[in-house]
């Protein structure tokens, strides 16, 4: 028998039971969110007191308070979310809206000067003056020169978003762990067999440890151009050109100007990343599983489907949505490219 268990701390408060928790994370979004609904009136037992007292929960929740959410079955808990309270809304229950470590990036104004830099240097700068005692670790193996045109007063979050725009949104930045920021060319890395996450590969048998209903469909290829071309015009008048290496088909070439990318090699890497994203081997859509096995964006899932053997294989987990509460617990998992058919 599986009994739902939770341990949620908000500031100095600890909740062993809640009405609802919804946690959303994605490789395509730097901002992780959690919505927690707790009773509007709660019994609170203070330290050193023998009996609990009734309190209005909203009066005890302060914006900016750290929150730590652990969920599981039968007392075996895993951390699902760490972040900060951003707002509260009173209703039948108290709704507490939370944000992950991106909340700290909003508070951070590193004061970086516009000019030539590398992606890694800009990321290190974006997290360099984080207030408090929770530093953000940067994991970035990408060697790419870029031109930073953000204002000196830009926040760390704005700086990272600007970098993504400069690469035509091919640069992927997300929190692979609560306070660890991953940055790189996600699809190029994963389809080359490079591990994005150190988490164990999770196994899902459709209809066994998942619910029957799912919206998985084979990723449509050649809908967009199979060839991608990025250019940069230098001040000397020379034009740098980067063309995707892998030609996936398609009748036209997708052309874009990226004047903040310094090297021709980088233009070609970004072009190949876009071509792979348009035409990778894998699935679109999502399926719904139980709370366990534990799975997070950036990790891998092995899928076995006895009714559709062509689906069997290992795939990138692109996003997860965890729901937990009085109606049970579920983990909705969105898949992306696969590279290792079973």
C-alpha atoms as a PDB file:
ATOM      1  CA  UNK A   1       0.000   0.000   0.000  1.00  0.00           C
ATOM      2  CA  UNK A   2       1.282   3.436  -0.937  1.00  0.00           C
ATOM      3  CA  UNK A   3       0.566   6.306   1.453  1.00  0.00           C
ATOM      4  CA  UNK A   4       1.322   9.854   0.281  1.00  0.00           C
ATOM      5  CA  UNK A   5       3.892  11.693   2.387  1.00  0.00           C
ATOM      6  CA  UNK A   6       5.129  15.278   2.334  1.00  0.00           C
ATOM      7  CA  UNK A   7       7.398  17.591   4.259  1.00  0.00           C
ATOM      8  CA  UNK A   8       7.132  21.259   3.274  1.00  0.00           C
ATOM      9  CA  UNK A   9       9.002  24.037   5.060  1.00  0.00           C
ATOM     10  CA  UNK A  10       8.352  27.735   4.454  1.00  0.00           C
ATOM     11  CA  UNK A  11      10.629  29.955   6.481  1.00  0.00           C
ATOM     12  CA  UNK A  12      10.296  28.708  10.067  1.00  0.00           C
ATOM     13  CA  UNK A  13       6.993  26.921   9.376  1.00  0.00           C
ATOM     14  CA  UNK A  14       6.711  23.239   8.574  1.00  0.00           C
ATOM     15  CA  UNK A  15       3.657  21.604   6.985  1.00  0.00           C
ATOM     16  CA  UNK A  16       3.247  17.842   7.093  1.00  0.00           C
ATOM     17  CA  UNK A  17      -0.004  17.977   5.131  1.00  0.00           C
ATOM     18  CA  UNK A  18      -1.255  20.276   2.372  1.00  0.00           C
ATOM     19  CA  UNK A  19      -4.313  20.555   0.151  1.00  0.00           C
ATOM     20  CA  UNK A  20      -2.518  20.769  -3.203  1.00  0.00           C
ATOM     21  CA  UNK A  21       0.979  21.179  -4.643  1.00  0.00           C
ATOM     22  CA  UNK A  22       1.706  21.853  -8.332  1.00  0.00           C
ATOM     23  CA  UNK A  23       5.338  22.058  -9.474  1.00  0.00           C
ATOM     24  CA  UNK A  24       6.374  22.933 -13.044  1.00  0.00           C
ATOM     25  CA  UNK A  25       9.894  22.619 -14.466  1.00  0.00           C
ATOM     26  CA  UNK A  26      11.224  22.639 -18.026  1.00  0.00           C
ATOM     27  CA  UNK A  27      14.485  22.676 -19.964  1.00  0.00           C
ATOM     28  CA  UNK A  28      12.951  25.520 -21.995  1.00  0.00           C
ATOM     29  CA  UNK A  29      12.226  27.791 -19.048  1.00  0.00           C
ATOM     30  CA  UNK A  30      14.688  29.250 -16.590  1.00  0.00           C
ATOM     31  CA  UNK A  31      11.839  29.917 -14.169  1.00  0.00           C
ATOM     32  CA  UNK A  32      10.612  26.985 -12.084  1.00  0.00           C
ATOM     33  CA  UNK A  33       7.319  27.459 -10.251  1.00  0.00           C
ATOM     34  CA  UNK A  34       5.428  25.859  -7.398  1.00  0.00           C
ATOM     35  CA  UNK A  35       1.913  26.585  -6.154  1.00  0.00           C
ATOM     36  CA  UNK A  36       1.099  25.328  -2.677  1.00  0.00           C
ATOM     37  CA  UNK A  37      -2.370  25.429  -1.153  1.00  0.00           C
ATOM     38  CA  UNK A  38      -2.587  25.087   2.625  1.00  0.00           C
ATOM     39  CA  UNK A  39      -5.463  25.597   5.076  1.00  0.00           C
ATOM     40  CA  UNK A  40      -6.336  29.252   5.687  1.00  0.00           C
ATOM     41  CA  UNK A  41      -6.470  28.420   9.409  1.00  0.00           C
ATOM     42  CA  UNK A  42      -3.870  26.020  10.748  1.00  0.00           C
ATOM     43  CA  UNK A  43      -2.899  24.514  14.075  1.00  0.00           C
ATOM     44  CA  UNK A  44       0.599  25.688  14.922  1.00  0.00           C
ATOM     45  CA  UNK A  45       2.763  24.220  17.630  1.00  0.00           C
ATOM     46  CA  UNK A  46       5.560  26.547  18.660  1.00  0.00           C
ATOM     47  CA  UNK A  47       8.857  25.412  20.090  1.00  0.00           C
ATOM     48  CA  UNK A  48       8.669  24.736  23.788  1.00  0.00           C
ATOM     49  CA  UNK A  49       4.857  24.736  23.811  1.00  0.00           C
ATOM     50  CA  UNK A  50       2.873  21.685  24.832  1.00  0.00           C
ATOM     51  CA  UNK A  51      -0.337  22.418  22.906  1.00  0.00           C
ATOM     52  CA  UNK A  52      -0.922  23.779  19.381  1.00  0.00           C
ATOM     53  CA  UNK A  53      -2.750  27.048  18.741  1.00  0.00           C
ATOM     54  CA  UNK A  54      -4.876  28.169  15.800  1.00  0.00           C
ATOM     55  CA  UNK A  55      -3.326  30.782  13.500  1.00  0.00           C
ATOM     56  CA  UNK A  56      -4.261  32.583  10.284  1.00  0.00           C
ATOM     57  CA  UNK A  57      -1.731  31.016   7.945  1.00  0.00           C
ATOM     58  CA  UNK A  58      -1.352  34.088   5.721  1.00  0.00           C
ATOM     59  CA  UNK A  59      -0.031  36.162   8.632  1.00  0.00           C
ATOM     60  CA  UNK A  60       2.911  33.764   8.979  1.00  0.00           C
ATOM     61  CA  UNK A  61       4.044  33.703   5.312  1.00  0.00           C
ATOM     62  CA  UNK A  62       6.503  36.400   4.234  1.00  0.00           C
ATOM     63  CA  UNK A  63       7.418  37.165   0.614  1.00  0.00           C
ATOM     64  CA  UNK A  64      10.978  36.042  -0.045  1.00  0.00           C
ATOM     65  CA  UNK A  65      10.839  33.236   2.522  1.00  0.00           C
ATOM     66  CA  UNK A  66      12.690  30.100   1.407  1.00  0.00           C
ATOM     67  CA  UNK A  67      10.542  27.052   0.647  1.00  0.00           C
ATOM     68  CA  UNK A  68      11.630  23.415   0.496  1.00  0.00           C
ATOM     69  CA  UNK A  69       9.205  20.766  -0.807  1.00  0.00           C
ATOM     70  CA  UNK A  70       9.764  17.047  -0.261  1.00  0.00           C
ATOM     71  CA  UNK A  71       7.232  14.521  -1.555  1.00  0.00           C
ATOM     72  CA  UNK A  72       6.979  10.751  -1.686  1.00  0.00           C
ATOM     73  CA  UNK A  73       5.284   7.586  -0.501  1.00  0.00           C
ATOM     74  CA  UNK A  74       5.364   5.877   2.909  1.00  0.00           C
ATOM     75  CA  UNK A  75       7.762   8.418   4.398  1.00  0.00           C
ATOM     76  CA  UNK A  76      10.382   7.993   1.646  1.00  0.00           C
ATOM     77  CA  UNK A  77      10.756  11.577   0.448  1.00  0.00           C
ATOM     78  CA  UNK A  78      12.663  13.275  -2.375  1.00  0.00           C
ATOM     79  CA  UNK A  79      13.225  16.981  -2.839  1.00  0.00           C
ATOM     80  CA  UNK A  80      10.940  18.181  -5.646  1.00  0.00           C
ATOM     81  CA  UNK A  81      11.388  21.938  -5.317  1.00  0.00           C
ATOM     82  CA  UNK A  82      13.478  24.592  -3.594  1.00  0.00           C
ATOM     83  CA  UNK A  83      12.874  28.293  -4.012  1.00  0.00           C
ATOM     84  CA  UNK A  84      11.192  31.355  -2.570  1.00  0.00           C
ATOM     85  CA  UNK A  85       7.724  32.704  -1.880  1.00  0.00           C
ATOM     86  CA  UNK A  86       6.726  35.424  -4.361  1.00  0.00           C
ATOM     87  CA  UNK A  87       3.068  36.034  -3.428  1.00  0.00           C
ATOM     88  CA  UNK A  88       0.056  34.723  -1.518  1.00  0.00           C
ATOM     89  CA  UNK A  89      -3.645  34.704  -2.395  1.00  0.00           C
ATOM     90  CA  UNK A  90      -6.348  34.184   0.187  1.00  0.00           C
ATOM     91  CA  UNK A  91      -9.415  32.101  -0.644  1.00  0.00           C
ATOM     92  CA  UNK A  92     -10.950  28.914   0.661  1.00  0.00           C
ATOM     93  CA  UNK A  93      -7.327  27.880   1.051  1.00  0.00           C
ATOM     94  CA  UNK A  94      -4.205  30.007   1.164  1.00  0.00           C
ATOM     95  CA  UNK A  95      -2.483  29.820  -2.226  1.00  0.00           C
ATOM     96  CA  UNK A  96       1.283  30.335  -1.957  1.00  0.00           C
ATOM     97  CA  UNK A  97       3.020  31.105  -5.277  1.00  0.00           C
ATOM     98  CA  UNK A  98       6.713  30.282  -5.397  1.00  0.00           C
ATOM     99  CA  UNK A  99       9.653  30.581  -7.780  1.00  0.00           C
ATOM    100  CA  UNK A 100      12.900  28.635  -7.950  1.00  0.00           C
ATOM    101  CA  UNK A 101      16.448  30.005  -7.893  1.00  0.00           C
ATOM    102  CA  UNK A 102      15.588  32.409 -10.739  1.00  0.00           C
ATOM    103  CA  UNK A 103      14.093  34.528  -7.930  1.00  0.00           C
ATOM    104  CA  UNK A 104      17.663  35.265  -6.817  1.00  0.00           C
ATOM    105  CA  UNK A 105      18.694  36.219 -10.363  1.00  0.00           C
ATOM    106  CA  UNK A 106      15.935  38.838 -10.370  1.00  0.00           C
ATOM    107  CA  UNK A 107      17.445  40.412  -7.254  1.00  0.00           C
ATOM    108  CA  UNK A 108      20.975  40.388  -8.642  1.00  0.00           C
ATOM    109  CA  UNK A 109      22.312  43.354 -10.652  1.00  0.00           C
ATOM    110  CA  UNK A 110      25.896  42.307 -11.490  1.00  0.00           C
ATOM    111  CA  UNK A 111      26.713  45.555 -13.322  1.00  0.00           C
ATOM    112  CA  UNK A 112      28.432  43.881 -16.275  1.00  0.00           C
ATOM    113  CA  UNK A 113      29.688  46.237 -18.949  1.00  0.00           C
ATOM    114  CA  UNK A 114      28.510  45.732 -22.560  1.00  0.00           C
ATOM    115  CA  UNK A 115      31.161  44.286 -24.854  1.00  0.00           C
ATOM    116  CA  UNK A 116      32.803  41.064 -25.981  1.00  0.00           C
ATOM    117  CA  UNK A 117      32.698  38.154 -23.565  1.00  0.00           C
ATOM    118  CA  UNK A 118      32.065  34.410 -23.446  1.00  0.00           C
ATOM    119  CA  UNK A 119      28.826  32.650 -22.558  1.00  0.00           C
ATOM    120  CA  UNK A 120      30.422  31.151 -19.456  1.00  0.00           C
ATOM    121  CA  UNK A 121      31.830  34.501 -18.291  1.00  0.00           C
ATOM    122  CA  UNK A 122      28.402  36.125 -18.664  1.00  0.00           C
ATOM    123  CA  UNK A 123      26.754  33.304 -16.715  1.00  0.00           C
ATOM    124  CA  UNK A 124      29.331  33.594 -13.942  1.00  0.00           C
ATOM    125  CA  UNK A 125      28.683  37.320 -13.886  1.00  0.00           C
ATOM    126  CA  UNK A 126      24.921  36.819 -13.764  1.00  0.00           C
ATOM    127  CA  UNK A 127      25.245  34.829 -10.517  1.00  0.00           C
ATOM    128  CA  UNK A 128      28.252  36.692  -9.085  1.00  0.00           C
ATOM    129  CA  UNK A 129      26.460  38.964  -6.618  1.00  0.00           C
ATOM    130  CA  UNK A 130      23.627  36.749  -5.427  1.00  0.00           C
ATOM    131  CA  UNK A 131      22.431  38.039  -2.037  1.00  0.00           C
ATOM    132  CA  UNK A 132      22.271  35.709   0.955  1.00  0.00           C
ATOM    133  CA  UNK A 133      24.014  32.405   1.532  1.00  0.00           C
ATOM    134  CA  UNK A 134      22.677  30.278  -1.367  1.00  0.00           C
ATOM    135  CA  UNK A 135      25.155  30.620  -4.249  1.00  0.00           C
ATOM    136  CA  UNK A 136      24.192  29.350  -7.710  1.00  0.00           C
ATOM    137  CA  UNK A 137      26.562  26.889  -9.381  1.00  0.00           C
ATOM    138  CA  UNK A 138      27.105  27.234 -13.141  1.00  0.00           C
ATOM    139  CA  UNK A 139      27.611  24.146 -15.335  1.00  0.00           C
ATOM    140  CA  UNK A 140      28.643  25.268 -18.826  1.00  0.00           C
ATOM    141  CA  UNK A 141      31.068  23.508 -21.148  1.00  0.00           C
ATOM    142  CA  UNK A 142      30.205  25.741 -24.117  1.00  0.00           C
ATOM    143  CA  UNK A 143      33.108  27.760 -25.537  1.00  0.00           C
ATOM    144  CA  UNK A 144      31.363  30.581 -27.371  1.00  0.00           C
ATOM    145  CA  UNK A 145      32.270  34.270 -27.732  1.00  0.00           C
ATOM    146  CA  UNK A 146      29.327  36.675 -27.714  1.00  0.00           C
ATOM    147  CA  UNK A 147      28.738  40.409 -27.604  1.00  0.00           C
ATOM    148  CA  UNK A 148      26.849  41.496 -24.510  1.00  0.00           C
ATOM    149  CA  UNK A 149      24.638  44.510 -25.199  1.00  0.00           C
ATOM    150  CA  UNK A 150      22.679  44.522 -21.930  1.00  0.00           C
ATOM    151  CA  UNK A 151      22.661  47.726 -19.928  1.00  0.00           C
ATOM    152  CA  UNK A 152      24.848  47.977 -16.807  1.00  0.00           C
ATOM    153  CA  UNK A 153      21.720  47.927 -14.641  1.00  0.00           C
ATOM    154  CA  UNK A 154      20.354  44.656 -16.087  1.00  0.00           C
ATOM    155  CA  UNK A 155      19.548  41.868 -13.641  1.00  0.00           C
ATOM    156  CA  UNK A 156      21.135  38.439 -13.856  1.00  0.00           C
ATOM    157  CA  UNK A 157      17.850  37.067 -15.209  1.00  0.00           C
ATOM    158  CA  UNK A 158      17.688  39.738 -17.942  1.00  0.00           C
ATOM    159  CA  UNK A 159      21.311  39.017 -18.867  1.00  0.00           C
ATOM    160  CA  UNK A 160      20.623  35.313 -19.410  1.00  0.00           C
ATOM    161  CA  UNK A 161      17.461  36.018 -21.410  1.00  0.00           C
ATOM    162  CA  UNK A 162      19.431  38.426 -23.609  1.00  0.00           C
ATOM    163  CA  UNK A 163      22.028  35.733 -24.287  1.00  0.00           C
ATOM    164  CA  UNK A 164      19.286  33.341 -25.379  1.00  0.00           C
ATOM    165  CA  UNK A 165      17.854  35.964 -27.771  1.00  0.00           C
ATOM    166  CA  UNK A 166      21.308  36.598 -29.212  1.00  0.00           C
ATOM    167  CA  UNK A 167      21.539  32.921 -30.220  1.00  0.00           C
ATOM    168  CA  UNK A 168      18.044  32.822 -31.774  1.00  0.00           C
ATOM    169  CA  UNK A 169      16.984  30.933 -28.629  1.00  0.00           C
ATOM    170  CA  UNK A 170      19.259  27.994 -29.408  1.00  0.00           C
ATOM    171  CA  UNK A 171      21.194  28.492 -26.179  1.00  0.00           C
ATOM    172  CA  UNK A 172      19.460  26.483 -23.446  1.00  0.00           C
ATOM    173  CA  UNK A 173      19.657  27.614 -19.804  1.00  0.00           C
ATOM    174  CA  UNK A 174      17.724  25.887 -17.031  1.00  0.00           C
ATOM    175  CA  UNK A 175      18.146  24.742 -13.445  1.00  0.00           C
ATOM    176  CA  UNK A 176      19.098  21.088 -13.654  1.00  0.00           C
ATOM    177  CA  UNK A 177      19.134  21.054  -9.849  1.00  0.00           C
ATOM    178  CA  UNK A 178      17.586  23.651  -7.511  1.00  0.00           C
ATOM    179  CA  UNK A 179      20.710  25.840  -7.373  1.00  0.00           C
ATOM    180  CA  UNK A 180      22.707  24.526 -10.345  1.00  0.00           C
ATOM    181  CA  UNK A 181      22.341  26.362 -13.657  1.00  0.00           C
ATOM    182  CA  UNK A 182      23.001  24.291 -16.800  1.00  0.00           C
ATOM    183  CA  UNK A 183      23.782  26.024 -20.078  1.00  0.00           C
ATOM    184  CA  UNK A 184      24.623  24.642 -23.489  1.00  0.00           C
ATOM    185  CA  UNK A 185      23.322  23.330 -26.816  1.00  0.00           C
ATOM    186  CA  UNK A 186      20.797  20.843 -25.454  1.00  0.00           C
ATOM    187  CA  UNK A 187      19.758  18.934 -28.589  1.00  0.00           C
ATOM    188  CA  UNK A 188      23.254  18.709 -30.080  1.00  0.00           C
ATOM    189  CA  UNK A 189      24.583  17.393 -26.785  1.00  0.00           C
ATOM    190  CA  UNK A 190      21.834  14.871 -26.096  1.00  0.00           C
ATOM    191  CA  UNK A 191      21.576  13.386 -29.596  1.00  0.00           C
ATOM    192  CA  UNK A 192      25.367  12.954 -29.567  1.00  0.00           C
ATOM    193  CA  UNK A 193      25.043  10.776 -26.469  1.00  0.00           C
ATOM    194  CA  UNK A 194      26.356  13.396 -24.040  1.00  0.00           C
ATOM    195  CA  UNK A 195      24.628  13.097 -20.667  1.00  0.00           C
ATOM    196  CA  UNK A 196      22.862  16.251 -19.531  1.00  0.00           C
ATOM    197  CA  UNK A 197      22.010  15.025 -16.041  1.00  0.00           C
ATOM    198  CA  UNK A 198      23.741  12.702 -13.600  1.00  0.00           C
ATOM    199  CA  UNK A 199      20.385  11.342 -12.401  1.00  0.00           C
ATOM    200  CA  UNK A 200      19.608   7.675 -12.940  1.00  0.00           C
ATOM    201  CA  UNK A 201      17.776   6.790 -16.159  1.00  0.00           C
ATOM    202  CA  UNK A 202      14.132   6.145 -15.259  1.00  0.00           C
ATOM    203  CA  UNK A 203      12.089   3.328 -16.796  1.00  0.00           C
ATOM    204  CA  UNK A 204       8.411   3.646 -17.747  1.00  0.00           C
ATOM    205  CA  UNK A 205       6.230   0.864 -19.137  1.00  0.00           C
ATOM    206  CA  UNK A 206       3.156   2.430 -20.730  1.00  0.00           C
ATOM    207  CA  UNK A 207       0.038   1.041 -19.067  1.00  0.00           C
ATOM    208  CA  UNK A 208       1.999  -0.523 -16.200  1.00  0.00           C
ATOM    209  CA  UNK A 209       3.661   2.180 -14.111  1.00  0.00           C
ATOM    210  CA  UNK A 210       1.944   4.936 -16.104  1.00  0.00           C
ATOM    211  CA  UNK A 211      -1.648   5.807 -16.842  1.00  0.00           C
ATOM    212  CA  UNK A 212      -3.032   4.525 -20.133  1.00  0.00           C
ATOM    213  CA  UNK A 213      -3.769   7.938 -21.602  1.00  0.00           C
ATOM    214  CA  UNK A 214      -0.904   9.796 -23.230  1.00  0.00           C
ATOM    215  CA  UNK A 215      -0.494  12.333 -26.030  1.00  0.00           C
ATOM    216  CA  UNK A 216       2.814  11.075 -27.433  1.00  0.00           C
ATOM    217  CA  UNK A 217       3.224  11.419 -31.177  1.00  0.00           C
ATOM    218  CA  UNK A 218       6.282  10.939 -33.324  1.00  0.00           C
ATOM    219  CA  UNK A 219       8.083  14.219 -33.865  1.00  0.00           C
ATOM    220  CA  UNK A 220       7.163  15.575 -37.317  1.00  0.00           C
ATOM    221  CA  UNK A 221      10.265  15.985 -39.489  1.00  0.00           C
ATOM    222  CA  UNK A 222      10.864  18.316 -42.403  1.00  0.00           C
ATOM    223  CA  UNK A 223       7.980  20.567 -41.403  1.00  0.00           C
ATOM    224  CA  UNK A 224      10.500  23.375 -41.295  1.00  0.00           C
ATOM    225  CA  UNK A 225      13.664  23.859 -43.311  1.00  0.00           C
ATOM    226  CA  UNK A 226      16.191  21.058 -43.059  1.00  0.00           C
ATOM    227  CA  UNK A 227      19.088  23.465 -43.627  1.00  0.00           C
ATOM    228  CA  UNK A 228      19.791  26.391 -41.313  1.00  0.00           C
ATOM    229  CA  UNK A 229      22.135  29.268 -42.150  1.00  0.00           C
ATOM    230  CA  UNK A 230      23.274  31.940 -39.678  1.00  0.00           C
ATOM    231  CA  UNK A 231      25.261  35.022 -40.708  1.00  0.00           C
ATOM    232  CA  UNK A 232      27.130  37.869 -39.060  1.00  0.00           C
ATOM    233  CA  UNK A 233      28.325  41.024 -40.784  1.00  0.00           C
ATOM    234  CA  UNK A 234      31.568  42.365 -39.315  1.00  0.00           C
ATOM    235  CA  UNK A 235      32.492  46.033 -39.102  1.00  0.00           C
ATOM    236  CA  UNK A 236      35.054  45.432 -41.869  1.00  0.00           C
ATOM    237  CA  UNK A 237      32.248  44.440 -44.226  1.00  0.00           C
ATOM    238  CA  UNK A 238      33.159  40.745 -44.188  1.00  0.00           C
ATOM    239  CA  UNK A 239      30.297  38.301 -43.697  1.00  0.00           C
ATOM    240  CA  UNK A 240      30.682  35.196 -41.530  1.00  0.00           C
ATOM    241  CA  UNK A 241      28.449  32.257 -42.421  1.00  0.00           C
ATOM    242  CA  UNK A 242      27.591  29.153 -40.403  1.00  0.00           C
ATOM    243  CA  UNK A 243      25.552  26.368 -42.023  1.00  0.00           C
ATOM    244  CA  UNK A 244      24.118  23.316 -40.282  1.00  0.00           C
ATOM    245  CA  UNK A 245      26.219  20.189 -40.786  1.00  0.00           C
ATOM    246  CA  UNK A 246      23.372  17.691 -40.711  1.00  0.00           C
ATOM    247  CA  UNK A 247      21.005  18.009 -43.667  1.00  0.00           C
ATOM    248  CA  UNK A 248      17.647  16.633 -42.666  1.00  0.00           C
ATOM    249  CA  UNK A 249      15.759  17.330 -45.866  1.00  0.00           C
ATOM    250  CA  UNK A 250      13.400  20.208 -46.553  1.00  0.00           C
ATOM    251  CA  UNK A 251      13.043  22.325 -49.627  1.00  0.00           C
ATOM    252  CA  UNK A 252      14.310  25.684 -48.356  1.00  0.00           C
ATOM    253  CA  UNK A 253      17.032  27.225 -46.216  1.00  0.00           C
ATOM    254  CA  UNK A 254      16.188  29.049 -42.987  1.00  0.00           C
ATOM    255  CA  UNK A 255      18.373  32.167 -42.873  1.00  0.00           C
ATOM    256  CA  UNK A 256      18.887  34.471 -39.867  1.00  0.00           C
ATOM    257  CA  UNK A 257      21.325  37.275 -38.955  1.00  0.00           C
ATOM    258  CA  UNK A 258      23.057  36.839 -35.565  1.00  0.00           C
ATOM    259  CA  UNK A 259      25.315  39.861 -35.138  1.00  0.00           C
ATOM    260  CA  UNK A 260      26.134  39.182 -31.478  1.00  0.00           C
ATOM    261  CA  UNK A 261      27.841  35.858 -32.244  1.00  0.00           C
ATOM    262  CA  UNK A 262      31.548  36.480 -32.784  1.00  0.00           C
ATOM    263  CA  UNK A 263      32.959  33.335 -34.418  1.00  0.00           C
ATOM    264  CA  UNK A 264      31.995  31.505 -37.601  1.00  0.00           C
ATOM    265  CA  UNK A 265      32.430  28.192 -35.736  1.00  0.00           C
ATOM    266  CA  UNK A 266      29.800  29.280 -33.213  1.00  0.00           C
ATOM    267  CA  UNK A 267      27.377  30.263 -35.985  1.00  0.00           C
ATOM    268  CA  UNK A 268      27.696  26.764 -37.445  1.00  0.00           C
ATOM    269  CA  UNK A 269      27.131  25.131 -34.036  1.00  0.00           C
ATOM    270  CA  UNK A 270      23.991  27.181 -33.469  1.00  0.00           C
ATOM    271  CA  UNK A 271      22.742  26.407 -36.993  1.00  0.00           C
ATOM    272  CA  UNK A 272      23.186  22.685 -36.388  1.00  0.00           C
ATOM    273  CA  UNK A 273      21.384  22.944 -33.047  1.00  0.00           C
ATOM    274  CA  UNK A 274      18.378  24.544 -34.771  1.00  0.00           C
ATOM    275  CA  UNK A 275      18.363  21.909 -37.528  1.00  0.00           C
ATOM    276  CA  UNK A 276      18.379  19.094 -34.977  1.00  0.00           C
ATOM    277  CA  UNK A 277      15.616  20.774 -32.964  1.00  0.00           C
ATOM    278  CA  UNK A 278      13.469  20.992 -36.107  1.00  0.00           C
ATOM    279  CA  UNK A 279      13.982  17.393 -37.149  1.00  0.00           C
ATOM    280  CA  UNK A 280      15.158  15.184 -34.278  1.00  0.00           C
ATOM    281  CA  UNK A 281      14.170  11.538 -33.875  1.00  0.00           C
ATOM    282  CA  UNK A 282      11.811  11.333 -30.933  1.00  0.00           C
ATOM    283  CA  UNK A 283       8.364  12.200 -29.697  1.00  0.00           C
ATOM    284  CA  UNK A 284       6.262  15.248 -28.948  1.00  0.00           C
ATOM    285  CA  UNK A 285       3.625  15.282 -26.239  1.00  0.00           C
ATOM    286  CA  UNK A 286       3.506  13.872 -22.733  1.00  0.00           C
ATOM    287  CA  UNK A 287       2.398  10.937 -20.641  1.00  0.00           C
ATOM    288  CA  UNK A 288       1.277  10.768 -17.040  1.00  0.00           C
ATOM    289  CA  UNK A 289       2.982   8.566 -14.451  1.00  0.00           C
ATOM    290  CA  UNK A 290       2.824   8.204 -10.716  1.00  0.00           C
ATOM    291  CA  UNK A 291       5.021  10.201  -8.332  1.00  0.00           C
ATOM    292  CA  UNK A 292       7.626   7.471  -8.560  1.00  0.00           C
ATOM    293  CA  UNK A 293       9.885   6.806 -10.340  1.00  0.00           C
ATOM    294  CA  UNK A 294      11.437  10.197  -9.697  1.00  0.00           C
ATOM    295  CA  UNK A 295      12.227  12.085 -12.916  1.00  0.00           C
ATOM    296  CA  UNK A 296      13.329  15.639 -13.722  1.00  0.00           C
ATOM    297  CA  UNK A 297      13.917  17.771 -16.839  1.00  0.00           C
ATOM    298  CA  UNK A 298      17.320  17.115 -18.368  1.00  0.00           C
ATOM    299  CA  UNK A 299      17.225  13.474 -17.353  1.00  0.00           C
ATOM    300  CA  UNK A 300      16.483  10.424 -19.491  1.00  0.00           C
ATOM    301  CA  UNK A 301      13.521   8.060 -19.583  1.00  0.00           C
ATOM    302  CA  UNK A 302      13.426   4.569 -21.055  1.00  0.00           C
ATOM    303  CA  UNK A 303       9.987   3.966 -22.578  1.00  0.00           C
ATOM    304  CA  UNK A 304       8.543   0.506 -23.229  1.00  0.00           C
ATOM    305  CA  UNK A 305       5.171   0.268 -24.958  1.00  0.00           C
ATOM    306  CA  UNK A 306       3.953  -3.238 -25.818  1.00  0.00           C
ATOM    307  CA  UNK A 307       1.222  -1.802 -28.073  1.00  0.00           C
ATOM    308  CA  UNK A 308       3.616   0.475 -29.985  1.00  0.00           C
ATOM    309  CA  UNK A 309       7.086  -1.161 -30.091  1.00  0.00           C
ATOM    310  CA  UNK A 310       8.381   1.633 -32.326  1.00  0.00           C
ATOM    311  CA  UNK A 311       8.144   3.903 -29.289  1.00  0.00           C
ATOM    312  CA  UNK A 312      10.576   1.787 -27.257  1.00  0.00           C
ATOM    313  CA  UNK A 313      13.779   3.668 -26.555  1.00  0.00           C
ATOM    314  CA  UNK A 314      15.557   6.222 -24.404  1.00  0.00           C
ATOM    315  CA  UNK A 315      14.422   9.852 -24.536  1.00  0.00           C
ATOM    316  CA  UNK A 316      15.261  13.246 -23.130  1.00  0.00           C
ATOM    317  CA  UNK A 317      12.846  14.483 -20.467  1.00  0.00           C
ATOM    318  CA  UNK A 318      11.997  18.065 -21.474  1.00  0.00           C
ATOM    319  CA  UNK A 319       9.513  19.034 -18.772  1.00  0.00           C
ATOM    320  CA  UNK A 320       7.679  17.712 -15.737  1.00  0.00           C
ATOM    321  CA  UNK A 321       4.558  18.800 -13.901  1.00  0.00           C
ATOM    322  CA  UNK A 322       4.057  17.292 -10.455  1.00  0.00           C
ATOM    323  CA  UNK A 323       0.631  17.404  -8.795  1.00  0.00           C
ATOM    324  CA  UNK A 324       0.241  16.250  -5.205  1.00  0.00           C
ATOM    325  CA  UNK A 325      -2.562  16.519  -2.701  1.00  0.00           C
ATOM    326  CA  UNK A 326      -5.836  15.151  -1.455  1.00  0.00           C
ATOM    327  CA  UNK A 327      -6.645  13.746  -4.911  1.00  0.00           C
ATOM    328  CA  UNK A 328      -3.415  11.755  -5.175  1.00  0.00           C
ATOM    329  CA  UNK A 329      -0.065  12.328  -6.849  1.00  0.00           C
ATOM    330  CA  UNK A 330       0.943  12.336 -10.508  1.00  0.00           C
ATOM    331  CA  UNK A 331       3.964  13.283 -12.606  1.00  0.00           C
ATOM    332  CA  UNK A 332       3.293  14.469 -16.154  1.00  0.00           C
ATOM    333  CA  UNK A 333       6.384  13.980 -18.310  1.00  0.00           C
ATOM    334  CA  UNK A 334       7.065  15.608 -21.679  1.00  0.00           C
ATOM    335  CA  UNK A 335       9.547  13.834 -23.935  1.00  0.00           C
ATOM    336  CA  UNK A 336      11.905  15.101 -26.621  1.00  0.00           C
ATOM    337  CA  UNK A 337      14.616  13.483 -28.746  1.00  0.00           C
ATOM    338  CA  UNK A 338      15.690   9.868 -28.427  1.00  0.00           C
ATOM    339  CA  UNK A 339      19.046   8.411 -29.390  1.00  0.00           C
ATOM    340  CA  UNK A 340      19.170   4.817 -28.202  1.00  0.00           C
ATOM    341  CA  UNK A 341      16.389   2.623 -29.582  1.00  0.00           C
ATOM    342  CA  UNK A 342      15.893  -0.597 -27.606  1.00  0.00           C
END
